[in-house]
Amino acid sequence: MSQDLSRLDTIDKHLLAVLTASIMDVDEISRLLNERRQCLEEIKMLPKPPEGNAWSSALRRTKRIVNLMEIYRNTVAVQARPFIKGRKLVQTYKKFE
């Protein structure tokens, strides 16, 4: 496995650990996603494509990361709904002041 794919594997493992933690660190997720994007850009610039098995594994991890991010986004959206509704009610009441 190339050094870049090994680095991507390390980033992905850390990212998956943060995404599956009971309390997610949004700043850490953002930092890891940026680091992952940079690593993928470096892999894209390689003179030859990555080896099959390692690349297939990276694609499976990518699907899992995307899936976990979607679950996280949906959970946050559900939790934010009452706050958004409350803010709209306050704005409605302010119209009558």
N, C-alpha and C. Protein backbone atom coordinates (compact mmCIF):
# COMPACT_ATOMS: atom_id res chain seq x y z
N MET A 1 0.85 -1.17 0.00
CA MET A 1 0.00 0.00 0.00
C MET A 1 0.90 1.24 0.00
N SER A 2 0.55 2.20 -0.82
CA SER A 2 1.36 3.41 -0.91
C SER A 2 1.24 4.24 0.37
N GLN A 3 2.17 5.16 0.51
CA GLN A 3 2.19 6.03 1.69
C GLN A 3 0.92 6.88 1.75
N ASP A 4 0.45 7.35 0.58
CA ASP A 4 -0.76 8.19 0.55
C ASP A 4 -1.99 7.39 0.97
N LEU A 5 -2.10 6.14 0.50
CA LEU A 5 -3.24 5.32 0.89
C LEU A 5 -3.17 4.94 2.37
N SER A 6 -1.99 4.75 2.86
CA SER A 6 -1.81 4.46 4.28
C SER A 6 -2.24 5.67 5.11
N ARG A 7 -1.86 6.86 4.67
CA ARG A 7 -2.26 8.10 5.35
C ARG A 7 -3.78 8.26 5.31
N LEU A 8 -4.39 7.97 4.15
CA LEU A 8 -5.85 8.05 4.01
C LEU A 8 -6.52 7.07 4.97
N ASP A 9 -5.97 5.87 5.09
CA ASP A 9 -6.51 4.87 6.00
C ASP A 9 -6.47 5.38 7.44
N THR A 10 -5.38 5.99 7.84
CA THR A 10 -5.24 6.53 9.20
C THR A 10 -6.26 7.65 9.44
N ILE A 11 -6.39 8.55 8.48
CA ILE A 11 -7.36 9.65 8.60
C ILE A 11 -8.77 9.08 8.72
N ASP A 12 -9.09 8.11 7.87
CA ASP A 12 -10.43 7.52 7.88
C ASP A 12 -10.74 6.84 9.21
N LYS A 13 -9.77 6.12 9.76
CA LYS A 13 -10.00 5.46 11.05
C LYS A 13 -10.27 6.49 12.14
N HIS A 14 -9.52 7.56 12.13
CA HIS A 14 -9.74 8.62 13.13
C HIS A 14 -11.10 9.28 12.91
N LEU A 15 -11.43 9.55 11.66
CA LEU A 15 -12.71 10.17 11.33
C LEU A 15 -13.88 9.27 11.73
N LEU A 16 -13.78 7.99 11.45
CA LEU A 16 -14.84 7.06 11.84
C LEU A 16 -14.98 7.00 13.36
N ALA A 17 -13.87 7.07 14.07
CA ALA A 17 -13.93 7.06 15.54
C ALA A 17 -14.66 8.31 16.05
N VAL A 18 -14.37 9.46 15.46
CA VAL A 18 -15.02 10.70 15.88
C VAL A 18 -16.50 10.68 15.53
N LEU A 19 -16.83 10.14 14.35
CA LEU A 19 -18.23 10.10 13.90
C LEU A 19 -19.08 9.11 14.71
N THR A 20 -18.46 8.13 15.31
CA THR A 20 -19.21 7.14 16.08
C THR A 20 -19.13 7.39 17.58
N ALA A 21 -18.46 8.44 17.99
CA ALA A 21 -18.37 8.78 19.41
C ALA A 21 -19.72 9.27 19.91
N SER A 22 -19.95 9.14 21.21
CA SER A 22 -21.24 9.57 21.77
C SER A 22 -21.43 11.08 21.65
N ILE A 23 -20.34 11.83 21.78
CA ILE A 23 -20.38 13.29 21.58
C ILE A 23 -19.40 13.61 20.46
N MET A 24 -19.93 14.17 19.38
CA MET A 24 -19.09 14.46 18.22
C MET A 24 -18.45 15.83 18.34
N ASP A 25 -17.19 15.89 17.96
CA ASP A 25 -16.42 17.13 17.96
C ASP A 25 -16.47 17.68 16.53
N VAL A 26 -17.33 18.67 16.32
CA VAL A 26 -17.55 19.22 14.99
C VAL A 26 -16.27 19.81 14.41
N ASP A 27 -15.48 20.46 15.24
CA ASP A 27 -14.23 21.05 14.76
C ASP A 27 -13.26 19.95 14.29
N GLU A 28 -13.21 18.87 15.04
CA GLU A 28 -12.33 17.76 14.67
C GLU A 28 -12.82 17.09 13.38
N ILE A 29 -14.12 16.95 13.23
CA ILE A 29 -14.68 16.38 12.00
C ILE A 29 -14.29 17.25 10.81
N SER A 30 -14.45 18.54 10.96
CA SER A 30 -14.11 19.47 9.89
C SER A 30 -12.62 19.40 9.54
N ARG A 31 -11.78 19.36 10.56
CA ARG A 31 -10.33 19.27 10.33
C ARG A 31 -9.97 17.98 9.60
N LEU A 32 -10.55 16.88 10.04
CA LEU A 32 -10.25 15.59 9.42
C LEU A 32 -10.77 15.51 7.98
N LEU A 33 -11.95 16.09 7.74
CA LEU A 33 -12.48 16.09 6.37
C LEU A 33 -11.59 16.92 5.44
N ASN A 34 -11.07 18.03 5.94
CA ASN A 34 -10.15 18.84 5.13
C ASN A 34 -8.85 18.08 4.86
N GLU A 35 -8.35 17.42 5.88
CA GLU A 35 -7.12 16.63 5.72
C GLU A 35 -7.35 15.48 4.73
N ARG A 36 -8.52 14.87 4.81
CA ARG A 36 -8.88 13.78 3.90
C ARG A 36 -8.96 14.28 2.46
N ARG A 37 -9.58 15.44 2.28
CA ARG A 37 -9.70 16.01 0.94
C ARG A 37 -8.32 16.27 0.34
N GLN A 38 -7.42 16.83 1.15
CA GLN A 38 -6.05 17.09 0.67
C GLN A 38 -5.34 15.79 0.30
N CYS A 39 -5.52 14.78 1.12
CA CYS A 39 -4.90 13.48 0.85
C CYS A 39 -5.43 12.89 -0.47
N LEU A 40 -6.74 12.99 -0.68
CA LEU A 40 -7.32 12.48 -1.92
C LEU A 40 -6.81 13.26 -3.14
N GLU A 41 -6.61 14.56 -2.98
CA GLU A 41 -6.06 15.35 -4.08
C GLU A 41 -4.64 14.90 -4.41
N GLU A 42 -3.86 14.56 -3.38
CA GLU A 42 -2.50 14.06 -3.61
C GLU A 42 -2.53 12.70 -4.29
N ILE A 43 -3.47 11.86 -3.90
CA ILE A 43 -3.61 10.54 -4.54
C ILE A 43 -4.00 10.71 -6.01
N LYS A 44 -4.86 11.67 -6.28
CA LYS A 44 -5.30 11.93 -7.65
C LYS A 44 -4.13 12.36 -8.54
N MET A 45 -3.12 12.99 -7.94
CA MET A 45 -1.97 13.49 -8.71
C MET A 45 -0.89 12.42 -8.94
N LEU A 46 -1.07 11.23 -8.36
CA LEU A 46 -0.07 10.17 -8.53
C LEU A 46 0.05 9.77 -10.00
N PRO A 47 1.25 9.37 -10.43
CA PRO A 47 1.44 9.00 -11.83
C PRO A 47 0.66 7.75 -12.25
N LYS A 48 0.44 6.83 -11.30
CA LYS A 48 -0.37 5.66 -11.63
C LYS A 48 -1.46 5.50 -10.58
N PRO A 49 -2.59 4.91 -10.96
CA PRO A 49 -3.70 4.78 -10.02
C PRO A 49 -3.34 3.86 -8.85
N PRO A 50 -4.00 4.05 -7.71
CA PRO A 50 -3.73 3.21 -6.54
C PRO A 50 -4.07 1.75 -6.83
N GLU A 51 -3.45 0.84 -6.04
CA GLU A 51 -3.71 -0.58 -6.22
C GLU A 51 -5.15 -0.91 -5.89
N GLY A 52 -5.66 -1.95 -6.52
CA GLY A 52 -7.07 -2.31 -6.46
C GLY A 52 -7.64 -2.55 -5.08
N ASN A 53 -7.05 -3.46 -4.28
CA ASN A 53 -7.62 -3.81 -2.98
C ASN A 53 -7.62 -2.63 -2.02
N ALA A 54 -6.52 -1.92 -1.96
CA ALA A 54 -6.43 -0.77 -1.04
C ALA A 54 -7.41 0.32 -1.46
N TRP A 55 -7.55 0.52 -2.76
CA TRP A 55 -8.46 1.55 -3.25
C TRP A 55 -9.91 1.13 -3.01
N SER A 56 -10.23 -0.14 -3.19
CA SER A 56 -11.58 -0.64 -2.92
C SER A 56 -11.93 -0.45 -1.45
N SER A 57 -10.98 -0.71 -0.59
CA SER A 57 -11.18 -0.51 0.84
C SER A 57 -11.44 0.97 1.15
N ALA A 58 -10.70 1.85 0.49
CA ALA A 58 -10.89 3.30 0.69
C ALA A 58 -12.28 3.72 0.22
N LEU A 59 -12.76 3.14 -0.87
CA LEU A 59 -14.10 3.47 -1.37
C LEU A 59 -15.18 3.00 -0.39
N ARG A 60 -14.99 1.83 0.21
CA ARG A 60 -15.95 1.33 1.20
C ARG A 60 -15.97 2.25 2.43
N ARG A 61 -14.80 2.68 2.86
CA ARG A 61 -14.73 3.60 4.01
C ARG A 61 -15.41 4.92 3.67
N THR A 62 -15.23 5.38 2.44
CA THR A 62 -15.85 6.63 2.01
C THR A 62 -17.37 6.53 2.10
N LYS A 63 -17.92 5.40 1.63
CA LYS A 63 -19.38 5.22 1.70
C LYS A 63 -19.84 5.21 3.15
N ARG A 64 -19.08 4.58 4.02
CA ARG A 64 -19.46 4.54 5.45
C ARG A 64 -19.39 5.93 6.06
N ILE A 65 -18.36 6.69 5.73
CA ILE A 65 -18.22 8.06 6.25
C ILE A 65 -19.38 8.93 5.79
N VAL A 66 -19.71 8.83 4.51
CA VAL A 66 -20.82 9.62 3.96
C VAL A 66 -22.12 9.24 4.66
N ASN A 67 -22.33 7.95 4.86
CA ASN A 67 -23.53 7.47 5.53
C ASN A 67 -23.62 8.02 6.96
N LEU A 68 -22.52 7.96 7.70
CA LEU A 68 -22.50 8.48 9.07
C LEU A 68 -22.71 10.00 9.10
N MET A 69 -22.15 10.70 8.13
CA MET A 69 -22.35 12.16 8.06
C MET A 69 -23.82 12.49 7.79
N GLU A 70 -24.47 11.71 6.94
CA GLU A 70 -25.89 11.94 6.66
C GLU A 70 -26.74 11.69 7.91
N ILE A 71 -26.42 10.63 8.64
CA ILE A 71 -27.13 10.34 9.88
C ILE A 71 -26.94 11.48 10.87
N TYR A 72 -25.71 11.96 11.00
CA TYR A 72 -25.41 13.06 11.91
C TYR A 72 -26.18 14.32 11.50
N ARG A 73 -26.17 14.62 10.21
CA ARG A 73 -26.88 15.81 9.72
C ARG A 73 -28.37 15.71 10.02
N ASN A 74 -28.96 14.55 9.79
CA ASN A 74 -30.38 14.37 10.05
C ASN A 74 -30.70 14.49 11.54
N THR A 75 -29.84 13.95 12.37
CA THR A 75 -30.04 14.03 13.82
C THR A 75 -29.99 15.48 14.29
N VAL A 76 -29.02 16.22 13.80
CA VAL A 76 -28.88 17.63 14.18
C VAL A 76 -30.09 18.42 13.68
N ALA A 77 -30.57 18.12 12.48
CA ALA A 77 -31.73 18.82 11.94
C ALA A 77 -32.96 18.60 12.82
N VAL A 78 -33.16 17.36 13.27
CA VAL A 78 -34.30 17.07 14.14
C VAL A 78 -34.16 17.81 15.47
N GLN A 79 -32.96 17.84 16.02
CA GLN A 79 -32.73 18.52 17.28
C GLN A 79 -32.88 20.03 17.15
N ALA A 80 -32.60 20.58 15.99
CA ALA A 80 -32.67 22.03 15.79
C ALA A 80 -34.08 22.52 15.51
N ARG A 81 -34.95 21.63 15.08
CA ARG A 81 -36.31 22.03 14.70
C ARG A 81 -37.02 22.84 15.80
N PRO A 82 -37.03 22.41 17.05
CA PRO A 82 -37.72 23.20 18.08
C PRO A 82 -37.13 24.61 18.25
N PHE A 83 -35.80 24.74 18.11
CA PHE A 83 -35.17 26.04 18.25
C PHE A 83 -35.56 26.96 17.09
N ILE A 84 -35.61 26.40 15.90
CA ILE A 84 -35.99 27.19 14.73
C ILE A 84 -37.44 27.65 14.87
N LYS A 85 -38.30 26.73 15.31
CA LYS A 85 -39.71 27.08 15.49
C LYS A 85 -39.85 28.14 16.58
N GLY A 86 -39.09 28.01 17.66
CA GLY A 86 -39.12 29.00 18.73
C GLY A 86 -38.67 30.37 18.26
N ARG A 87 -37.64 30.40 17.44
CA ARG A 87 -37.14 31.67 16.92
C ARG A 87 -38.20 32.33 16.04
N LYS A 88 -38.91 31.53 15.23
CA LYS A 88 -39.96 32.09 14.37
C LYS A 88 -41.10 32.65 15.21
N LEU A 89 -41.44 31.97 16.31
CA LEU A 89 -42.50 32.46 17.19
C LEU A 89 -42.10 33.78 17.83
N VAL A 90 -40.86 33.90 18.25
CA VAL A 90 -40.37 35.15 18.84
C VAL A 90 -40.45 36.27 17.81
N GLN A 91 -40.08 35.99 16.58
CA GLN A 91 -40.15 37.01 15.53
C GLN A 91 -41.60 37.44 15.30
N THR A 92 -42.53 36.49 15.36
CA THR A 92 -43.95 36.82 15.19
C THR A 92 -44.42 37.72 16.33
N TYR A 93 -44.06 37.40 17.55
CA TYR A 93 -44.44 38.22 18.71
C TYR A 93 -43.84 39.62 18.63
N LYS A 94 -42.63 39.72 18.11
CA LYS A 94 -41.99 41.04 18.02
C LYS A 94 -42.73 41.96 17.05
N LYS A 95 -43.43 41.38 16.08
CA LYS A 95 -44.20 42.20 15.13
C LYS A 95 -45.31 42.97 15.85
N PHE A 96 -45.78 42.44 16.96
CA PHE A 96 -46.88 43.07 17.69
C PHE A 96 -46.41 44.06 18.74
N GLU A 97 -45.14 44.22 18.92
CA GLU A 97 -44.61 45.17 19.90
C GLU A 97 -44.75 46.58 19.41
